[in-house]
Amino acid sequence: MESVGVSAAIVRDGLPDWLLPVRRAAETVRPEQLSRFLPPDEGGRRSAVLLLFGEGPDGPDLLLTQRSDELRSHPGQVSFPGGSLDPQDGDPLGSGPVAAALREAAEETGLDPAGVQVFATLPALYIPVSDFVVTPVLGWWREESPVAPVDPGETGAVFRVPLAELADPANRGRFRHPSGFAGPAFRVDGRLVWGFTAGVIDRLLHHSGLERSWDTTRVIELPVGG
């Protein structure tokens, strides 16, 4: 996709004021401040996700997707658009994650990557259960384009969540998986956000100063089969 190549460079200037704390956090945060699961020295399946910030009718927001209920792996789970790096994306330790995040977002949501200004990346994180080494790529939706599920068999929904709703203490809690693992969770737009996606959102809100005090003892139950 030619437009992906045009948009793959990181451009840190020209952002709205409300995004500056997010950029500062992304540029200064250390991997261990984001997760206790850090990439192994070797191996791991390289991948990238796109955290796309925009200005919707209800203020600053974040683009999320919901996996199709037809999928065998994590059906119905909310996630960032993204996926594995392909050879066409380039160096996995260089610009590859940016190209992959934009390409995957376009394939899943119909997003036009030419309208996205990538302004930072977070340190790569590790998901042990899947062996994915994931680089979160942060983008500003400078020129919006229509988005919707491209393949309903893969993506069940594409939606935007205001940052104010994500930071609202009433929408926050912690989930506990049957395996015993626990972590932050958000209940927004009638959906439950948990796992890797919720963890990244939680840490980004915290380190950018957008977090509001919330009840960390509140438990949000996972749906059956979650």
Protein backbone atom coordinates (compact mmCIF):
# COMPACT_ATOMS: atom_id res chain seq x y z
CA MET A 1 0.00 0.00 0.00
CA GLU A 2 1.74 3.17 -1.15
CA SER A 3 -0.01 5.40 1.41
CA VAL A 4 1.42 3.32 4.27
CA GLY A 5 4.93 4.07 3.12
CA VAL A 6 4.16 7.80 3.02
CA SER A 7 2.81 7.76 6.59
CA ALA A 8 5.38 5.42 8.15
CA ALA A 9 7.75 8.12 9.46
CA ILE A 10 7.35 9.35 13.04
CA VAL A 11 6.43 13.06 13.15
CA ARG A 12 6.25 14.37 16.71
CA ASP A 13 5.28 18.01 16.06
CA GLY A 14 1.96 19.60 15.14
CA LEU A 15 -0.21 17.74 17.64
CA PRO A 16 -3.18 19.23 19.52
CA ASP A 17 -2.32 20.38 23.04
CA TRP A 18 -4.27 17.58 24.72
CA LEU A 19 -2.06 14.97 23.03
CA LEU A 20 1.23 16.46 24.22
CA PRO A 21 1.17 14.71 27.62
CA VAL A 22 0.57 11.41 25.82
CA ARG A 23 3.56 12.04 23.54
CA ARG A 24 5.76 12.99 26.51
CA ALA A 25 4.75 9.82 28.33
CA ALA A 26 5.47 7.65 25.28
CA GLU A 27 8.90 9.21 24.85
CA THR A 28 9.99 8.82 28.48
CA VAL A 29 8.26 5.72 29.87
CA ARG A 30 10.38 2.65 30.54
CA PRO A 31 9.24 -0.85 29.55
CA GLU A 32 9.01 -2.02 33.17
CA GLN A 33 6.64 0.89 33.89
CA LEU A 34 4.20 -0.53 31.35
CA SER A 35 4.24 -4.25 32.05
CA ARG A 36 6.00 -6.94 34.05
CA PHE A 37 6.04 -9.04 30.88
CA LEU A 38 9.02 -7.87 28.83
CA PRO A 39 10.22 -9.36 25.52
CA PRO A 40 12.73 -12.19 25.63
CA ASP A 41 16.26 -11.50 24.43
CA GLU A 42 15.59 -13.65 21.39
CA GLY A 43 12.52 -15.00 19.62
CA GLY A 44 8.92 -13.96 19.96
CA ARG A 45 6.40 -13.22 17.24
CA ARG A 46 6.86 -9.59 16.24
CA SER A 47 3.64 -7.60 15.95
CA ALA A 48 2.29 -4.08 16.31
CA VAL A 49 -0.95 -2.36 17.29
CA LEU A 50 -2.22 1.13 16.50
CA LEU A 51 -3.41 3.47 19.25
CA LEU A 52 -5.22 6.01 17.09
CA PHE A 53 -6.27 9.21 18.85
CA GLY A 54 -8.87 11.48 17.26
CA GLU A 55 -11.27 14.30 18.07
CA GLY A 56 -14.81 13.00 17.87
CA PRO A 57 -18.14 14.68 18.64
CA ASP A 58 -17.60 13.91 22.34
CA GLY A 59 -14.02 15.14 22.52
CA PRO A 60 -10.67 13.35 22.29
CA ASP A 61 -11.08 9.65 21.70
CA LEU A 62 -9.39 6.35 20.89
CA LEU A 63 -10.23 3.93 18.07
CA LEU A 64 -10.89 0.32 19.13
CA THR A 65 -12.09 -2.84 17.44
CA GLN A 66 -14.02 -5.86 18.63
CA ARG A 67 -13.08 -9.28 17.35
CA SER A 68 -15.78 -11.26 15.58
CA ASP A 69 -17.83 -13.65 17.70
CA GLU A 70 -17.14 -16.25 15.01
CA LEU A 71 -13.42 -16.44 15.76
CA ARG A 72 -12.11 -19.41 17.69
CA SER A 73 -9.44 -17.33 19.44
CA HIS A 74 -10.65 -14.59 21.81
CA PRO A 75 -14.08 -14.13 20.16
CA GLY A 76 -15.72 -10.79 20.90
CA GLN A 77 -12.68 -9.37 22.70
CA VAL A 78 -11.97 -5.65 22.37
CA SER A 79 -8.53 -4.78 21.01
CA PHE A 80 -6.48 -2.21 19.17
CA PRO A 81 -6.24 -2.73 15.41
CA GLY A 82 -3.01 -4.51 14.61
CA GLY A 83 -1.30 -7.79 13.91
CA SER A 84 1.90 -9.58 12.99
CA LEU A 85 4.71 -7.98 11.03
CA ASP A 86 5.04 -9.14 7.42
CA PRO A 87 8.28 -9.07 5.39
CA GLN A 88 6.85 -6.14 3.43
CA ASP A 89 6.76 -4.05 6.64
CA GLY A 90 10.55 -3.84 6.85
CA ASP A 91 12.93 -3.98 9.80
CA PRO A 92 11.11 -5.35 12.88
CA LEU A 93 13.43 -3.33 15.12
CA GLY A 94 13.11 -0.15 13.04
CA SER A 95 10.19 1.22 11.03
CA GLY A 96 8.57 -2.20 10.63
CA PRO A 97 6.14 -1.90 13.56
CA VAL A 98 4.86 1.47 12.31
CA ALA A 99 4.25 0.12 8.82
CA ALA A 100 2.62 -3.02 10.22
CA ALA A 101 0.29 -1.11 12.56
CA LEU A 102 -0.92 1.14 9.75
CA ARG A 103 -1.28 -1.73 7.29
CA GLU A 104 -3.21 -3.92 9.73
CA ALA A 105 -5.47 -1.04 10.77
CA ALA A 106 -6.31 -0.39 7.13
CA GLU A 107 -7.02 -4.08 6.51
CA GLU A 108 -9.27 -4.39 9.58
CA THR A 109 -11.12 -1.06 9.62
CA GLY A 110 -10.80 0.47 6.14
CA LEU A 111 -8.80 3.33 7.64
CA ASP A 112 -6.83 5.50 5.20
CA PRO A 113 -3.27 5.50 6.63
CA ALA A 114 -2.46 8.71 4.74
CA GLY A 115 -4.57 10.61 7.28
CA VAL A 116 -2.65 9.28 10.28
CA GLN A 117 0.32 11.09 11.80
CA VAL A 118 2.39 8.60 13.79
CA PHE A 119 3.96 10.60 16.63
CA ALA A 120 5.52 7.97 18.90
CA THR A 121 5.89 4.32 19.75
CA LEU A 122 5.88 2.64 23.15
CA PRO A 123 8.51 0.09 24.17
CA ALA A 124 7.80 -3.40 22.88
CA LEU A 125 5.84 -5.56 25.34
CA TYR A 126 5.39 -9.30 25.64
CA ILE A 127 2.26 -11.48 25.73
CA PRO A 128 3.52 -14.82 27.10
CA VAL A 129 0.42 -16.86 26.30
CA SER A 130 0.76 -16.13 22.56
CA ASP A 131 4.51 -15.40 22.40
CA PHE A 132 3.79 -12.04 20.74
CA VAL A 133 6.27 -9.18 21.07
CA VAL A 134 3.99 -6.19 20.54
CA THR A 135 5.01 -2.61 19.73
CA PRO A 136 2.21 -0.09 20.42
CA VAL A 137 2.27 2.64 17.75
CA LEU A 138 0.65 5.98 18.63
CA GLY A 139 -1.08 8.01 15.94
CA TRP A 140 -3.01 11.27 15.60
CA TRP A 141 -5.99 11.04 13.25
CA ARG A 142 -5.20 14.26 11.45
CA GLU A 143 -7.51 13.61 8.49
CA GLU A 144 -10.30 11.22 9.38
CA SER A 145 -11.63 8.60 7.01
CA PRO A 146 -14.66 6.30 7.28
CA VAL A 147 -14.05 3.14 9.29
CA ALA A 148 -16.05 -0.09 9.61
CA PRO A 149 -15.31 -3.82 9.74
CA VAL A 150 -13.70 -4.83 6.45
CA ASP A 151 -14.16 -8.57 7.07
CA PRO A 152 -17.07 -9.24 9.48
CA GLY A 153 -15.69 -12.74 9.97
CA GLU A 154 -12.61 -11.19 11.57
CA THR A 155 -13.78 -7.87 12.99
CA GLY A 156 -17.17 -7.58 14.64
CA ALA A 157 -17.14 -3.83 15.31
CA VAL A 158 -15.06 -0.68 14.97
CA PHE A 159 -15.82 2.09 17.44
CA ARG A 160 -14.43 5.19 19.13
CA VAL A 161 -14.30 5.68 22.90
CA PRO A 162 -13.85 9.16 24.41
CA LEU A 163 -10.79 9.42 26.65
CA ALA A 164 -13.04 11.01 29.27
CA GLU A 165 -15.04 7.77 29.45
CA LEU A 166 -11.90 5.67 29.77
CA ALA A 167 -10.69 7.92 32.61
CA ASP A 168 -14.09 7.99 34.36
CA PRO A 169 -13.73 6.10 37.68
CA ALA A 170 -17.27 4.72 37.23
CA ASN A 171 -16.08 2.78 34.17
CA ARG A 172 -12.97 1.30 35.77
CA GLY A 173 -12.19 -1.83 37.76
CA ARG A 174 -10.08 -4.95 37.76
CA PHE A 175 -10.84 -8.30 36.18
CA ARG A 176 -9.77 -11.66 37.51
CA HIS A 177 -9.24 -14.47 35.05
CA PRO A 178 -10.03 -18.07 36.08
CA SER A 179 -6.29 -18.73 35.73
CA GLY A 180 -5.74 -16.31 38.61
CA PHE A 181 -4.32 -13.49 36.49
CA ALA A 182 -5.77 -10.07 37.29
CA GLY A 183 -5.48 -6.70 35.63
CA PRO A 184 -7.21 -3.40 34.83
CA ALA A 185 -10.53 -3.37 32.98
CA PHE A 186 -12.86 -0.78 31.49
CA ARG A 187 -16.58 -1.02 30.81
CA VAL A 188 -17.38 1.44 28.02
CA ASP A 189 -19.89 1.64 25.21
CA GLY A 190 -21.56 -1.51 26.52
CA ARG A 191 -18.31 -3.46 26.09
CA LEU A 192 -15.67 -4.82 28.43
CA VAL A 193 -12.05 -3.92 27.69
CA TRP A 194 -9.53 -6.15 29.47
CA GLY A 195 -6.26 -8.02 28.95
CA PHE A 196 -3.37 -6.50 26.99
CA THR A 197 -5.50 -3.67 25.55
CA ALA A 198 -6.77 -2.52 28.94
CA GLY A 199 -3.27 -2.77 30.40
CA VAL A 200 -1.80 -0.45 27.79
CA ILE A 201 -4.66 2.05 28.16
CA ASP A 202 -4.33 1.96 31.96
CA ARG A 203 -0.58 2.66 31.91
CA LEU A 204 -0.86 5.35 29.24
CA LEU A 205 -3.56 7.20 31.20
CA HIS A 206 -1.42 6.96 34.32
CA HIS A 207 1.88 8.13 32.87
CA SER A 208 0.32 10.92 30.79
CA GLY A 209 -1.48 12.37 33.80
CA LEU A 210 -4.96 11.74 32.38
CA GLU A 211 -5.83 9.19 35.05
CA ARG A 212 -8.44 10.00 37.70
CA SER A 213 -8.51 8.34 41.09
CA TRP A 214 -10.50 5.09 40.87
CA ASP A 215 -11.40 2.13 43.06
CA THR A 216 -8.69 -0.45 42.40
CA THR A 217 -10.54 -2.97 44.58
CA ARG A 218 -13.61 -3.01 42.36
CA VAL A 219 -13.93 -6.33 40.51
CA ILE A 220 -15.46 -6.53 37.03
CA GLU A 221 -16.50 -10.05 36.11
CA LEU A 222 -15.34 -11.44 32.80
CA PRO A 223 -18.09 -12.73 30.49
CA VAL A 224 -18.54 -16.47 30.33
CA GLY A 225 -15.91 -17.87 27.99
CA GLY A 226 -13.72 -14.76 28.35
